[in-house]
Amino acid sequence: MKKRTSLHAPSARTETLVARTGEHCPTTGWWNPLLPEDYNSDVSSRFIGKGSVVPAVGGTPIIWVPSNNAHLQTEY
């Protein structure tokens, strides 16, 4: 007999949500840039709307990740 799985069963894989410069943002919220350690810039989180094109930082394409401390952000 074939083994059935529930549609609501938790997935064994966990995927990290990321957005790359030039792509459309997958979800609205605060995003942090993943910058190389040697990058000399004080870049903070940015609020990016779903469907917006994800920006570069200083002309350099980068990867953005959702902010873990979005609730602390007060600037718009």
Protein backbone atom coordinates (compact mmCIF):
# COMPACT_ATOMS: atom_id res chain seq x y z
CA MET A 1 0.00 0.00 0.00
CA LYS A 2 1.22 3.49 -0.85
CA LYS A 3 2.17 5.65 2.11
CA ARG A 4 0.18 8.88 2.34
CA THR A 5 1.46 12.18 3.61
CA SER A 6 -0.58 15.00 5.02
CA LEU A 7 -0.68 18.27 3.11
CA HIS A 8 -0.13 20.05 6.41
CA ALA A 9 2.85 18.00 7.54
CA PRO A 10 5.90 20.10 8.37
CA SER A 11 8.56 20.10 5.71
CA ALA A 12 11.91 18.54 6.48
CA ARG A 13 13.57 21.34 4.49
CA THR A 14 13.65 24.88 5.72
CA GLU A 15 14.21 27.55 3.14
CA THR A 16 15.72 30.91 3.87
CA LEU A 17 13.94 33.83 2.28
CA VAL A 18 16.38 36.03 0.33
CA ALA A 19 16.11 38.68 -2.35
CA ARG A 20 18.87 39.64 -4.78
CA THR A 21 19.46 43.05 -6.34
CA GLY A 22 17.32 43.40 -9.46
CA GLU A 23 14.76 40.78 -8.42
CA HIS A 24 11.24 41.56 -7.27
CA CYS A 25 10.84 41.51 -3.50
CA PRO A 26 8.90 38.40 -2.39
CA THR A 27 7.30 39.99 0.68
CA THR A 28 6.77 43.43 2.21
CA GLY A 29 8.90 44.31 5.20
CA TRP A 30 12.25 45.42 6.56
CA TRP A 31 15.28 43.87 4.85
CA ASN A 32 18.99 43.79 5.81
CA PRO A 33 21.81 43.71 3.26
CA LEU A 34 24.35 40.90 3.46
CA LEU A 35 27.55 42.86 2.99
CA PRO A 36 31.11 41.55 2.84
CA GLU A 37 33.10 42.21 6.01
CA ASP A 38 35.49 44.50 4.15
CA TYR A 39 32.66 46.73 2.84
CA ASN A 40 33.17 50.21 4.30
CA SER A 41 29.63 51.52 4.54
CA ASP A 42 27.07 52.00 7.26
CA VAL A 43 24.06 50.53 5.46
CA SER A 44 20.99 49.94 7.59
CA SER A 45 17.76 48.05 7.05
CA ARG A 46 15.38 49.22 4.36
CA PHE A 47 11.64 48.86 4.04
CA ILE A 48 10.91 47.15 0.70
CA GLY A 49 7.41 46.49 -0.60
CA LYS A 50 6.34 43.22 -2.19
CA GLY A 51 6.93 43.35 -5.95
CA SER A 52 9.39 46.25 -5.75
CA VAL A 53 12.77 45.82 -7.41
CA VAL A 54 15.39 45.07 -4.76
CA PRO A 55 18.07 47.82 -4.72
CA ALA A 56 21.84 47.71 -4.95
CA VAL A 57 24.06 49.28 -2.28
CA GLY A 58 26.59 51.80 -3.55
CA GLY A 59 26.16 50.42 -7.06
CA THR A 60 27.04 46.89 -5.93
CA PRO A 61 24.49 44.07 -6.35
CA ILE A 62 23.91 42.30 -3.04
CA ILE A 63 21.66 39.80 -1.30
CA TRP A 64 19.00 41.00 1.14
CA VAL A 65 17.48 39.01 4.02
CA PRO A 66 14.41 39.81 6.14
CA SER A 67 15.24 41.76 9.28
CA ASN A 68 14.91 39.89 12.58
CA ASN A 69 14.35 43.13 14.47
CA ALA A 70 11.78 44.76 12.20
CA HIS A 71 9.62 45.65 15.21
CA LEU A 72 12.40 48.01 16.40
CA GLN A 73 12.48 50.04 13.18
CA THR A 74 10.80 53.44 13.49
CA GLU A 75 11.96 55.31 10.36
CA TYR A 76 9.95 55.14 7.14
